[in-house]
Amino acid sequence: MLRFARRAVLIGLPLVVVLQSSALAATVGVSMTNFVFTPKTATVKQGNTVLWTNNTPGTNHTSTSDSTSPISWDSGSVPGGGTFLLPFALNAAGSYPYHCSFHFGLGMVGTLSVPVKASPGSGPIGTVFSIIVAQTNASGTFVYDIQKMNPGGSFVDWMVGVTAKSVNFDSTGLPAGTYQFRARLRDTSTGNATGYSKGKKVTVTP
């Protein structure tokens, strides 16, 4: 049976699925040891949740979101052998940094990486691709920022401040090649934002 830490501070609930409705979501495991999270960067698909396990007997750890995050969590003190299940699913693409509040100075930091999805993955010129940045539309003060990389180029702002969970990329009239998209979640009221997700590639064929 999973054991939960005593407290978890949650901000931005309109953008997440609470535990009761995410019971069937896949769970990604992260190990807490002296003094690292493994994996240091955990890939978490949209709609998945995360379970931390403290594998350090006699040493307490925490999973605590960084202060710049638009959504926040804090496991409280997790003893050796204990676990902490993130009490919501991560629905929005982005890079979510976090740390152990006891051992931050020793470099105990980690990242939850939630990727963008795209459909289809490839298609001829004229294909309209769906770029999926979240499982739910943004609400309240939250928005999604999306960047695009053209073939041979670098990432630049493409659609900033959107609230739709997916947007279309119309390749009509564009050169063939590989395009990439990445996104982040931002709270317009505080300016807090995740880092950008890893780039998601789509291929436009001749």
N, C-alpha and C. Protein backbone atom coordinates (compact mmCIF):
# COMPACT_ATOMS: atom_id res chain seq x y z
N MET A 1 0.84 -1.20 0.00
CA MET A 1 0.00 0.00 0.00
C MET A 1 0.88 1.25 0.00
N LEU A 2 0.46 2.26 -0.77
CA LEU A 2 1.24 3.48 -0.84
C LEU A 2 1.07 4.29 0.43
N ARG A 3 2.16 4.86 0.91
CA ARG A 3 2.11 5.74 2.06
C ARG A 3 2.33 7.16 1.59
N PHE A 4 1.47 8.05 2.02
CA PHE A 4 1.55 9.43 1.59
C PHE A 4 2.21 10.29 2.66
N ALA A 5 2.96 11.28 2.21
CA ALA A 5 3.51 12.25 3.15
C ALA A 5 2.36 13.07 3.74
N ARG A 6 2.64 13.77 4.81
CA ARG A 6 1.57 14.43 5.55
C ARG A 6 0.97 15.63 4.84
N ARG A 7 1.76 16.31 4.01
CA ARG A 7 1.21 17.52 3.44
C ARG A 7 1.64 17.66 1.99
N ALA A 8 0.83 18.33 1.24
CA ALA A 8 1.16 18.63 -0.16
C ALA A 8 0.47 19.94 -0.51
N VAL A 9 1.24 20.93 -0.85
CA VAL A 9 0.71 22.24 -1.20
C VAL A 9 0.40 22.24 -2.68
N LEU A 10 -0.83 22.55 -3.06
CA LEU A 10 -1.24 22.50 -4.45
C LEU A 10 -1.68 23.88 -4.91
N ILE A 11 -1.13 24.32 -6.04
CA ILE A 11 -1.52 25.57 -6.67
C ILE A 11 -1.82 25.28 -8.13
N GLY A 12 -2.83 25.93 -8.67
CA GLY A 12 -3.13 25.75 -10.08
C GLY A 12 -3.96 24.52 -10.38
N LEU A 13 -4.87 24.16 -9.49
CA LEU A 13 -5.67 22.96 -9.68
C LEU A 13 -6.53 22.96 -10.94
N PRO A 14 -6.92 24.12 -11.52
CA PRO A 14 -7.68 24.02 -12.77
C PRO A 14 -6.90 23.34 -13.89
N LEU A 15 -5.58 23.28 -13.77
CA LEU A 15 -4.77 22.71 -14.84
C LEU A 15 -4.32 21.29 -14.55
N VAL A 16 -4.76 20.73 -13.46
CA VAL A 16 -4.32 19.38 -13.13
C VAL A 16 -5.53 18.52 -12.81
N VAL A 17 -5.32 17.25 -12.84
CA VAL A 17 -6.38 16.31 -12.49
C VAL A 17 -6.11 15.83 -11.08
N VAL A 18 -7.06 16.01 -10.17
CA VAL A 18 -6.84 15.58 -8.80
C VAL A 18 -6.77 14.07 -8.73
N LEU A 19 -6.25 13.58 -7.64
CA LEU A 19 -5.89 12.17 -7.53
C LEU A 19 -7.06 11.24 -7.83
N GLN A 20 -8.27 11.60 -7.36
CA GLN A 20 -9.39 10.69 -7.55
C GLN A 20 -9.65 10.42 -9.02
N SER A 21 -9.51 11.43 -9.89
CA SER A 21 -9.80 11.26 -11.30
C SER A 21 -8.58 10.81 -12.09
N SER A 22 -7.43 10.69 -11.44
CA SER A 22 -6.23 10.24 -12.15
C SER A 22 -5.77 8.88 -11.66
N ALA A 23 -6.68 8.16 -11.01
CA ALA A 23 -6.30 6.89 -10.41
C ALA A 23 -5.81 5.90 -11.46
N LEU A 24 -6.30 6.03 -12.71
CA LEU A 24 -5.91 5.10 -13.75
C LEU A 24 -4.73 5.61 -14.57
N ALA A 25 -4.22 6.79 -14.24
CA ALA A 25 -3.08 7.34 -14.98
C ALA A 25 -1.83 6.51 -14.68
N ALA A 26 -0.96 6.42 -15.67
CA ALA A 26 0.30 5.73 -15.46
C ALA A 26 1.15 6.51 -14.46
N THR A 27 1.95 5.79 -13.70
CA THR A 27 2.77 6.39 -12.67
C THR A 27 4.25 6.16 -12.98
N VAL A 28 5.02 7.23 -12.91
CA VAL A 28 6.46 7.19 -13.15
C VAL A 28 7.17 7.17 -11.80
N GLY A 29 8.11 6.26 -11.61
CA GLY A 29 8.80 6.13 -10.35
C GLY A 29 10.12 6.90 -10.32
N VAL A 30 10.38 7.56 -9.18
CA VAL A 30 11.64 8.25 -8.95
C VAL A 30 12.17 7.82 -7.59
N SER A 31 13.46 7.49 -7.54
CA SER A 31 14.10 7.07 -6.29
C SER A 31 14.80 8.24 -5.62
N MET A 32 14.66 8.34 -4.30
CA MET A 32 15.40 9.31 -3.49
C MET A 32 16.52 8.56 -2.76
N THR A 33 17.76 8.97 -3.01
CA THR A 33 18.88 8.38 -2.28
C THR A 33 19.81 9.51 -1.85
N ASN A 34 20.86 9.19 -1.09
CA ASN A 34 21.82 10.22 -0.68
C ASN A 34 22.78 10.51 -1.82
N PHE A 35 22.76 11.62 -2.43
CA PHE A 35 21.79 12.71 -2.28
C PHE A 35 21.35 13.09 -3.68
N VAL A 36 20.66 12.16 -4.33
CA VAL A 36 20.24 12.33 -5.71
C VAL A 36 18.83 11.79 -5.91
N PHE A 37 18.18 12.32 -6.96
CA PHE A 37 16.95 11.74 -7.47
C PHE A 37 17.33 10.91 -8.70
N THR A 38 16.77 9.70 -8.80
CA THR A 38 17.05 8.84 -9.94
C THR A 38 15.75 8.35 -10.55
N PRO A 39 15.50 8.66 -11.85
CA PRO A 39 16.36 9.44 -12.73
C PRO A 39 16.31 10.92 -12.36
N LYS A 40 17.40 11.63 -12.67
CA LYS A 40 17.45 13.05 -12.36
C LYS A 40 16.44 13.82 -13.18
N THR A 41 16.28 13.42 -14.44
CA THR A 41 15.23 13.96 -15.29
C THR A 41 14.30 12.82 -15.66
N ALA A 42 13.08 12.87 -15.16
CA ALA A 42 12.11 11.82 -15.40
C ALA A 42 11.12 12.28 -16.47
N THR A 43 10.96 11.48 -17.51
CA THR A 43 9.99 11.80 -18.54
C THR A 43 8.61 11.34 -18.10
N VAL A 44 7.68 12.28 -18.07
CA VAL A 44 6.33 12.03 -17.58
C VAL A 44 5.35 12.41 -18.68
N LYS A 45 4.68 11.45 -19.27
CA LYS A 45 3.74 11.75 -20.34
C LYS A 45 2.56 12.57 -19.80
N GLN A 46 1.96 13.36 -20.67
CA GLN A 46 0.81 14.15 -20.28
C GLN A 46 -0.25 13.24 -19.64
N GLY A 47 -0.71 13.63 -18.46
CA GLY A 47 -1.72 12.86 -17.75
C GLY A 47 -1.16 11.82 -16.80
N ASN A 48 0.17 11.66 -16.76
CA ASN A 48 0.80 10.73 -15.81
C ASN A 48 1.05 11.42 -14.48
N THR A 49 1.30 10.61 -13.46
CA THR A 49 1.67 11.13 -12.16
C THR A 49 3.03 10.54 -11.77
N VAL A 50 3.54 10.91 -10.60
CA VAL A 50 4.90 10.53 -10.20
C VAL A 50 4.88 10.00 -8.77
N LEU A 51 5.62 8.92 -8.54
CA LEU A 51 5.76 8.35 -7.21
C LEU A 51 7.23 8.36 -6.82
N TRP A 52 7.55 9.09 -5.74
CA TRP A 52 8.91 9.10 -5.19
C TRP A 52 9.01 8.07 -4.08
N THR A 53 10.11 7.34 -4.04
CA THR A 53 10.38 6.37 -2.98
C THR A 53 11.71 6.72 -2.34
N ASN A 54 11.71 6.89 -1.02
CA ASN A 54 12.94 7.19 -0.30
C ASN A 54 13.65 5.88 0.01
N ASN A 55 14.73 5.64 -0.72
CA ASN A 55 15.51 4.42 -0.54
C ASN A 55 16.76 4.63 0.32
N THR A 56 16.70 5.63 1.20
CA THR A 56 17.82 5.93 2.09
C THR A 56 17.41 5.69 3.54
N PRO A 57 17.70 4.53 4.11
CA PRO A 57 17.33 4.28 5.50
C PRO A 57 17.95 5.31 6.44
N GLY A 58 17.12 5.84 7.33
CA GLY A 58 17.62 6.77 8.33
C GLY A 58 17.77 8.21 7.88
N THR A 59 17.45 8.51 6.62
CA THR A 59 17.58 9.88 6.12
C THR A 59 16.26 10.31 5.48
N ASN A 60 15.76 11.46 5.91
CA ASN A 60 14.53 11.99 5.33
C ASN A 60 14.84 12.86 4.11
N HIS A 61 13.92 12.85 3.17
CA HIS A 61 14.03 13.69 1.98
C HIS A 61 12.68 14.34 1.70
N THR A 62 12.68 15.33 0.80
CA THR A 62 11.42 15.90 0.33
C THR A 62 11.43 15.95 -1.19
N SER A 63 10.25 16.05 -1.75
CA SER A 63 10.07 16.42 -3.15
C SER A 63 9.32 17.75 -3.12
N THR A 64 10.01 18.82 -3.49
CA THR A 64 9.47 20.17 -3.36
C THR A 64 9.68 20.93 -4.66
N SER A 65 8.60 21.44 -5.24
CA SER A 65 8.73 22.18 -6.49
C SER A 65 9.53 23.46 -6.26
N ASP A 66 10.25 23.89 -7.31
CA ASP A 66 10.99 25.14 -7.22
C ASP A 66 10.02 26.32 -7.12
N SER A 67 10.51 27.41 -6.56
CA SER A 67 9.65 28.58 -6.32
C SER A 67 9.18 29.24 -7.60
N THR A 68 9.84 28.96 -8.72
CA THR A 68 9.45 29.56 -10.00
C THR A 68 8.37 28.77 -10.72
N SER A 69 7.96 27.65 -10.16
CA SER A 69 6.98 26.80 -10.82
C SER A 69 5.59 27.42 -10.77
N PRO A 70 4.81 27.31 -11.84
CA PRO A 70 3.44 27.83 -11.81
C PRO A 70 2.47 26.95 -11.02
N ILE A 71 2.83 25.70 -10.80
CA ILE A 71 2.08 24.84 -9.89
C ILE A 71 3.07 24.31 -8.86
N SER A 72 2.59 24.10 -7.65
CA SER A 72 3.51 23.79 -6.56
C SER A 72 3.09 22.54 -5.80
N TRP A 73 4.09 21.83 -5.32
CA TRP A 73 3.84 20.71 -4.42
C TRP A 73 4.96 20.63 -3.41
N ASP A 74 4.66 20.02 -2.28
CA ASP A 74 5.66 19.81 -1.21
C ASP A 74 5.27 18.54 -0.48
N SER A 75 6.09 17.54 -0.56
CA SER A 75 5.78 16.25 0.07
C SER A 75 5.82 16.30 1.58
N GLY A 76 6.49 17.31 2.13
CA GLY A 76 6.84 17.23 3.53
C GLY A 76 7.97 16.21 3.70
N SER A 77 8.31 15.89 4.92
CA SER A 77 9.43 15.00 5.20
C SER A 77 9.04 13.55 4.94
N VAL A 78 9.75 12.92 4.00
CA VAL A 78 9.49 11.52 3.65
C VAL A 78 10.59 10.66 4.28
N PRO A 79 10.26 9.79 5.23
CA PRO A 79 11.29 9.00 5.90
C PRO A 79 11.81 7.88 5.01
N GLY A 80 12.94 7.29 5.40
CA GLY A 80 13.47 6.15 4.69
C GLY A 80 12.43 5.06 4.57
N GLY A 81 12.24 4.54 3.37
CA GLY A 81 11.23 3.52 3.13
C GLY A 81 9.87 4.09 2.78
N GLY A 82 9.70 5.40 2.94
CA GLY A 82 8.42 6.05 2.66
C GLY A 82 8.27 6.43 1.21
N THR A 83 7.06 6.80 0.83
CA THR A 83 6.77 7.21 -0.53
C THR A 83 5.94 8.49 -0.54
N PHE A 84 5.99 9.15 -1.67
CA PHE A 84 5.14 10.32 -1.89
C PHE A 84 4.62 10.26 -3.31
N LEU A 85 3.29 10.23 -3.45
CA LEU A 85 2.65 10.23 -4.76
C LEU A 85 2.18 11.63 -5.07
N LEU A 86 2.66 12.19 -6.17
CA LEU A 86 2.21 13.51 -6.59
C LEU A 86 0.69 13.49 -6.66
N PRO A 87 0.02 14.39 -5.91
CA PRO A 87 -1.43 14.26 -5.78
C PRO A 87 -2.22 14.82 -6.95
N PHE A 88 -1.59 14.96 -8.10
CA PHE A 88 -2.30 15.34 -9.32
C PHE A 88 -1.49 14.85 -10.51
N ALA A 89 -2.15 14.71 -11.64
CA ALA A 89 -1.46 14.34 -12.87
C ALA A 89 -0.91 15.58 -13.55
N LEU A 90 0.27 15.44 -14.14
CA LEU A 90 0.87 16.55 -14.88
C LEU A 90 0.27 16.56 -16.29
N ASN A 91 -0.59 17.54 -16.54
CA ASN A 91 -1.33 17.57 -17.79
C ASN A 91 -0.70 18.43 -18.87
N ALA A 92 0.19 19.36 -18.50
CA ALA A 92 0.71 20.34 -19.45
C ALA A 92 2.18 20.10 -19.75
N ALA A 93 2.55 20.23 -21.02
CA ALA A 93 3.95 20.08 -21.42
C ALA A 93 4.81 21.14 -20.76
N GLY A 94 6.02 20.76 -20.43
CA GLY A 94 6.95 21.69 -19.81
C GLY A 94 8.02 20.94 -19.05
N SER A 95 8.94 21.67 -18.48
CA SER A 95 10.02 21.11 -17.67
C SER A 95 9.84 21.63 -16.25
N TYR A 96 9.55 20.74 -15.31
CA TYR A 96 9.18 21.09 -13.95
C TYR A 96 10.35 20.79 -13.00
N PRO A 97 11.14 21.78 -12.61
CA PRO A 97 12.25 21.53 -11.70
C PRO A 97 11.76 21.43 -10.25
N TYR A 98 12.45 20.59 -9.48
CA TYR A 98 12.12 20.43 -8.07
C TYR A 98 13.38 20.07 -7.31
N HIS A 99 13.26 19.95 -5.98
CA HIS A 99 14.46 19.71 -5.16
C HIS A 99 14.06 19.06 -3.85
N CYS A 100 15.06 18.59 -3.13
CA CYS A 100 14.89 18.17 -1.75
C CYS A 100 15.23 19.38 -0.88
N SER A 101 14.27 19.82 -0.09
CA SER A 101 14.50 21.04 0.70
C SER A 101 15.57 20.83 1.77
N PHE A 102 15.83 19.60 2.17
CA PHE A 102 16.86 19.32 3.17
C PHE A 102 18.27 19.32 2.55
N HIS A 103 18.35 18.91 1.30
CA HIS A 103 19.66 18.66 0.69
C HIS A 103 19.85 19.41 -0.62
N PHE A 104 19.13 20.51 -0.78
CA PHE A 104 19.27 21.33 -1.98
C PHE A 104 20.71 21.80 -2.14
N GLY A 105 21.34 22.19 -1.01
CA GLY A 105 22.71 22.68 -1.05
C GLY A 105 23.72 21.62 -1.45
N LEU A 106 23.32 20.35 -1.38
CA LEU A 106 24.18 19.24 -1.79
C LEU A 106 23.90 18.81 -3.23
N GLY A 107 23.07 19.60 -3.90
CA GLY A 107 22.79 19.31 -5.31
C GLY A 107 21.70 18.29 -5.55
N MET A 108 20.83 18.06 -4.55
CA MET A 108 19.74 17.10 -4.74
C MET A 108 18.58 17.79 -5.42
N VAL A 109 18.64 17.79 -6.74
CA VAL A 109 17.63 18.45 -7.57
C VAL A 109 17.19 17.49 -8.66
N GLY A 110 16.01 17.73 -9.20
CA GLY A 110 15.49 16.89 -10.27
C GLY A 110 14.57 17.67 -11.17
N THR A 111 14.14 17.03 -12.24
CA THR A 111 13.24 17.65 -13.21
C THR A 111 12.23 16.63 -13.70
N LEU A 112 10.99 17.06 -13.81
CA LEU A 112 9.95 16.26 -14.45
C LEU A 112 9.74 16.85 -15.84
N SER A 113 9.99 16.05 -16.86
CA SER A 113 9.92 16.52 -18.24
C SER A 113 8.66 15.97 -18.90
N VAL A 114 7.73 16.87 -19.22
CA VAL A 114 6.47 16.48 -19.85
C VAL A 114 6.50 16.92 -21.31
N PRO A 115 6.50 15.99 -22.27
CA PRO A 115 6.68 16.36 -23.67
C PRO A 115 5.39 16.80 -24.36
N VAL A 116 5.59 17.52 -25.45
CA VAL A 116 4.52 17.83 -26.39
C VAL A 116 4.19 16.57 -27.19
N LYS A 117 2.96 16.44 -27.64
CA LYS A 117 2.57 15.38 -28.55
C LYS A 117 2.18 15.99 -29.90
N ALA A 118 2.27 15.21 -30.95
CA ALA A 118 1.91 15.70 -32.28
C ALA A 118 1.23 14.59 -33.07
N SER A 119 0.24 14.97 -33.87
CA SER A 119 -0.47 14.00 -34.70
C SER A 119 -0.85 14.65 -36.03
N PRO A 120 -0.47 14.02 -37.17
CA PRO A 120 0.37 12.83 -37.27
C PRO A 120 1.84 13.19 -37.04
N GLY A 121 2.70 12.20 -37.04
CA GLY A 121 4.12 12.46 -36.85
C GLY A 121 4.82 12.91 -38.12
N SER A 122 4.22 12.59 -39.26
CA SER A 122 4.79 13.00 -40.53
C SER A 122 3.69 13.05 -41.57
N GLY A 123 3.95 13.77 -42.66
CA GLY A 123 2.98 13.87 -43.73
C GLY A 123 3.50 14.78 -44.82
N PRO A 124 2.90 14.69 -46.02
CA PRO A 124 3.36 15.52 -47.14
C PRO A 124 3.00 16.98 -46.95
N ILE A 125 3.66 17.83 -47.74
CA ILE A 125 3.35 19.27 -47.70
C ILE A 125 1.85 19.45 -47.87
N GLY A 126 1.27 20.28 -47.03
CA GLY A 126 -0.17 20.48 -47.01
C GLY A 126 -0.86 19.79 -45.84
N THR A 127 -0.11 18.90 -45.15
CA THR A 127 -0.67 18.23 -43.98
C THR A 127 -0.88 19.24 -42.85
N VAL A 128 -2.00 19.12 -42.16
CA VAL A 128 -2.25 19.92 -40.97
C VAL A 128 -1.96 19.05 -39.75
N PHE A 129 -0.95 19.44 -39.00
CA PHE A 129 -0.52 18.69 -37.82
C PHE A 129 -1.19 19.28 -36.57
N SER A 130 -1.61 18.41 -35.68
CA SER A 130 -2.13 18.84 -34.38
C SER A 130 -1.01 18.80 -33.36
N ILE A 131 -0.68 19.95 -32.78
CA ILE A 131 0.36 20.05 -31.77
C ILE A 131 -0.34 20.11 -30.41
N ILE A 132 -0.17 19.05 -29.64
CA ILE A 132 -0.93 18.88 -28.39
C ILE A 132 -0.03 19.22 -27.21
N VAL A 133 -0.35 20.30 -26.52
CA VAL A 133 0.51 20.78 -25.44
C VAL A 133 -0.05 20.44 -24.05
N ALA A 134 -1.29 19.97 -24.00
CA ALA A 134 -1.88 19.67 -22.69
C ALA A 134 -3.10 18.77 -22.88
N GLN A 135 -3.56 18.19 -21.79
CA GLN A 135 -4.78 17.38 -21.83
C GLN A 135 -6.03 18.21 -21.61
N THR A 136 -5.86 19.41 -21.08
CA THR A 136 -7.01 20.27 -20.81
C THR A 136 -6.70 21.68 -21.27
N ASN A 137 -7.73 22.44 -21.63
CA ASN A 137 -7.54 23.84 -21.94
C ASN A 137 -7.10 24.58 -20.69
N ALA A 138 -6.28 25.60 -20.86
CA ALA A 138 -5.84 26.41 -19.72
C ALA A 138 -7.02 27.25 -19.23
N SER A 139 -7.03 27.54 -17.95
CA SER A 139 -8.11 28.34 -17.38
C SER A 139 -7.52 29.31 -16.36
N GLY A 140 -8.35 30.24 -15.93
CA GLY A 140 -7.90 31.23 -14.95
C GLY A 140 -6.77 32.08 -15.53
N THR A 141 -5.68 32.16 -14.80
CA THR A 141 -4.55 33.00 -15.22
C THR A 141 -3.46 32.20 -15.93
N PHE A 142 -3.75 30.93 -16.26
CA PHE A 142 -2.74 30.07 -16.87
C PHE A 142 -2.82 30.11 -18.39
N VAL A 143 -1.66 30.04 -19.04
CA VAL A 143 -1.58 30.00 -20.50
C VAL A 143 -0.46 29.06 -20.91
N TYR A 144 -0.46 28.72 -22.19
CA TYR A 144 0.61 27.92 -22.77
C TYR A 144 1.40 28.78 -23.75
N ASP A 145 2.72 28.67 -23.70
CA ASP A 145 3.60 29.32 -24.67
C ASP A 145 4.23 28.23 -25.53
N ILE A 146 4.15 28.39 -26.85
CA ILE A 146 4.65 27.37 -27.77
C ILE A 146 5.71 27.99 -28.67
N GLN A 147 6.83 27.31 -28.80
CA GLN A 147 7.89 27.72 -29.71
C GLN A 147 8.03 26.71 -30.83
N LYS A 148 8.51 27.19 -31.99
CA LYS A 148 8.68 26.34 -33.17
C LYS A 148 10.09 26.50 -33.72
N MET A 149 10.65 25.40 -34.20
CA MET A 149 11.94 25.42 -34.88
C MET A 149 11.74 24.96 -36.32
N ASN A 150 12.06 25.82 -37.28
CA ASN A 150 12.01 25.44 -38.68
C ASN A 150 13.23 24.61 -39.04
N PRO A 151 13.19 23.88 -40.17
CA PRO A 151 14.36 23.10 -40.58
C PRO A 151 15.61 23.96 -40.67
N GLY A 152 16.66 23.55 -39.97
CA GLY A 152 17.91 24.28 -39.99
C GLY A 152 17.94 25.53 -39.13
N GLY A 153 16.86 25.80 -38.40
CA GLY A 153 16.78 27.02 -37.60
C GLY A 153 16.92 26.76 -36.12
N SER A 154 16.42 27.69 -35.34
CA SER A 154 16.44 27.56 -33.88
C SER A 154 15.04 27.87 -33.36
N PHE A 155 14.79 27.56 -32.10
CA PHE A 155 13.47 27.79 -31.53
C PHE A 155 13.17 29.28 -31.41
N VAL A 156 11.97 29.66 -31.84
CA VAL A 156 11.48 31.03 -31.69
C VAL A 156 10.03 30.96 -31.24
N ASP A 157 9.56 32.03 -30.62
CA ASP A 157 8.17 32.07 -30.20
C ASP A 157 7.25 31.89 -31.40
N TRP A 158 6.25 31.06 -31.25
CA TRP A 158 5.31 30.77 -32.33
C TRP A 158 3.89 31.16 -31.92
N MET A 159 3.39 30.55 -30.86
CA MET A 159 2.09 30.90 -30.30
C MET A 159 2.29 31.10 -28.80
N VAL A 160 2.12 32.32 -28.35
CA VAL A 160 2.38 32.68 -26.95
C VAL A 160 1.07 33.09 -26.29
N GLY A 161 0.86 32.56 -25.08
CA GLY A 161 -0.32 32.96 -24.33
C GLY A 161 -1.61 32.31 -24.79
N VAL A 162 -1.53 31.10 -25.36
CA VAL A 162 -2.73 30.43 -25.82
C VAL A 162 -3.35 29.63 -24.68
N THR A 163 -4.64 29.41 -24.78
CA THR A 163 -5.34 28.64 -23.75
C THR A 163 -5.83 27.29 -24.27
N ALA A 164 -5.82 27.10 -25.58
CA ALA A 164 -6.27 25.82 -26.15
C ALA A 164 -5.25 24.73 -25.88
N LYS A 165 -5.73 23.53 -25.63
CA LYS A 165 -4.82 22.41 -25.33
C LYS A 165 -4.08 21.91 -26.55
N SER A 166 -4.56 22.25 -27.74
CA SER A 166 -3.86 21.88 -28.96
C SER A 166 -4.04 22.97 -30.01
N VAL A 167 -3.07 23.08 -30.90
CA VAL A 167 -3.11 24.06 -31.98
C VAL A 167 -2.72 23.36 -33.26
N ASN A 168 -3.06 23.97 -34.40
CA ASN A 168 -2.75 23.36 -35.69
C ASN A 168 -1.52 23.99 -36.33
N PHE A 169 -0.71 23.15 -36.92
CA PHE A 169 0.41 23.60 -37.75
C PHE A 169 0.11 23.18 -39.18
N ASP A 170 -0.19 24.16 -40.03
CA ASP A 170 -0.55 23.92 -41.41
C ASP A 170 0.71 24.03 -42.28
N SER A 171 1.11 22.94 -42.88
CA SER A 171 2.36 22.93 -43.65
C SER A 171 2.16 23.32 -45.11
N THR A 172 0.98 23.78 -45.47
CA THR A 172 0.73 24.19 -46.85
C THR A 172 1.71 25.29 -47.28
N GLY A 173 2.40 25.06 -48.40
CA GLY A 173 3.32 26.05 -48.94
C GLY A 173 4.65 26.13 -48.24
N LEU A 174 4.89 25.29 -47.25
CA LEU A 174 6.16 25.34 -46.51
C LEU A 174 7.14 24.33 -47.08
N PRO A 175 8.43 24.55 -46.88
CA PRO A 175 9.41 23.58 -47.37
C PRO A 175 9.37 22.28 -46.59
N ALA A 176 9.71 21.21 -47.28
CA ALA A 176 9.81 19.92 -46.61
C ALA A 176 10.96 19.95 -45.61
N GLY A 177 10.88 19.10 -44.61
CA GLY A 177 11.92 19.03 -43.60
C GLY A 177 11.35 18.69 -42.24
N THR A 178 12.21 18.75 -41.25
CA THR A 178 11.81 18.44 -39.88
C THR A 178 11.58 19.72 -39.10
N TYR A 179 10.40 19.84 -38.51
CA TYR A 179 10.03 20.96 -37.67
C TYR A 179 9.93 20.45 -36.24
N GLN A 180 10.22 21.34 -35.28
CA GLN A 180 10.12 20.94 -33.87
C GLN A 180 9.26 21.95 -33.10
N PHE A 181 8.60 21.43 -32.08
CA PHE A 181 7.74 22.26 -31.24
C PHE A 181 8.01 21.94 -29.77
N ARG A 182 8.00 22.97 -28.96
CA ARG A 182 8.13 22.79 -27.52
C ARG A 182 7.22 23.79 -26.83
N ALA A 183 6.89 23.51 -25.56
CA ALA A 183 5.91 24.36 -24.88
C ALA A 183 6.22 24.46 -23.40
N ARG A 184 5.60 25.45 -22.78
CA ARG A 184 5.70 25.60 -21.33
C ARG A 184 4.35 26.07 -20.80
N LEU A 185 4.17 25.92 -19.50
CA LEU A 185 3.01 26.42 -18.78
C LEU A 185 3.42 27.68 -18.03
N ARG A 186 2.56 28.72 -18.12
CA ARG A 186 2.90 30.00 -17.47
C ARG A 186 1.67 30.55 -16.76
N ASP A 187 1.91 31.13 -15.58
CA ASP A 187 0.87 31.81 -14.81
C ASP A 187 1.04 33.31 -15.04
N THR A 188 0.09 33.93 -15.72
CA THR A 188 0.22 35.34 -16.06
C THR A 188 0.12 36.25 -14.85
N SER A 189 -0.44 35.75 -13.76
CA SER A 189 -0.60 36.60 -12.58
C SER A 189 0.69 36.73 -11.79
N THR A 190 1.56 35.73 -11.85
CA THR A 190 2.80 35.74 -11.09
C THR A 190 4.04 35.81 -11.98
N GLY A 191 3.88 35.46 -13.24
CA GLY A 191 5.03 35.35 -14.13
C GLY A 191 5.77 34.03 -13.99
N ASN A 192 5.36 33.20 -13.04
CA ASN A 192 6.01 31.89 -12.87
C ASN A 192 5.73 31.00 -14.08
N ALA A 193 6.74 30.23 -14.47
CA ALA A 193 6.59 29.37 -15.64
C ALA A 193 7.48 28.15 -15.50
N THR A 194 7.06 27.07 -16.14
CA THR A 194 7.94 25.92 -16.23
C THR A 194 9.04 26.24 -17.24
N GLY A 195 10.05 25.39 -17.31
CA GLY A 195 10.95 25.47 -18.43
C GLY A 195 10.26 24.91 -19.66
N TYR A 196 10.85 25.11 -20.83
CA TYR A 196 10.27 24.54 -22.03
C TYR A 196 10.51 23.04 -22.08
N SER A 197 9.54 22.33 -22.64
CA SER A 197 9.67 20.89 -22.83
C SER A 197 10.74 20.60 -23.87
N LYS A 198 11.11 19.34 -24.00
CA LYS A 198 11.96 18.93 -25.10
C LYS A 198 11.21 19.13 -26.41
N GLY A 199 11.96 19.31 -27.48
CA GLY A 199 11.33 19.51 -28.77
C GLY A 199 10.67 18.24 -29.29
N LYS A 200 9.48 18.41 -29.86
CA LYS A 200 8.77 17.31 -30.51
C LYS A 200 8.88 17.50 -32.02
N LYS A 201 9.38 16.49 -32.71
CA LYS A 201 9.62 16.59 -34.14
C LYS A 201 8.41 16.15 -34.95
N VAL A 202 8.14 16.88 -36.03
CA VAL A 202 7.23 16.42 -37.07
C VAL A 202 7.95 16.58 -38.39
N THR A 203 7.71 15.65 -39.30
CA THR A 203 8.42 15.66 -40.59
C THR A 203 7.44 15.96 -41.71
N VAL A 204 7.75 17.00 -42.48
CA VAL A 204 6.98 17.35 -43.66
C VAL A 204 7.73 16.79 -44.87
N THR A 205 7.09 15.91 -45.60
CA THR A 205 7.73 15.26 -46.74
C THR A 205 7.31 15.95 -48.04
N PRO A 206 8.13 15.83 -49.09
CA PRO A 206 7.79 16.46 -50.37
C PRO A 206 6.48 15.93 -50.95
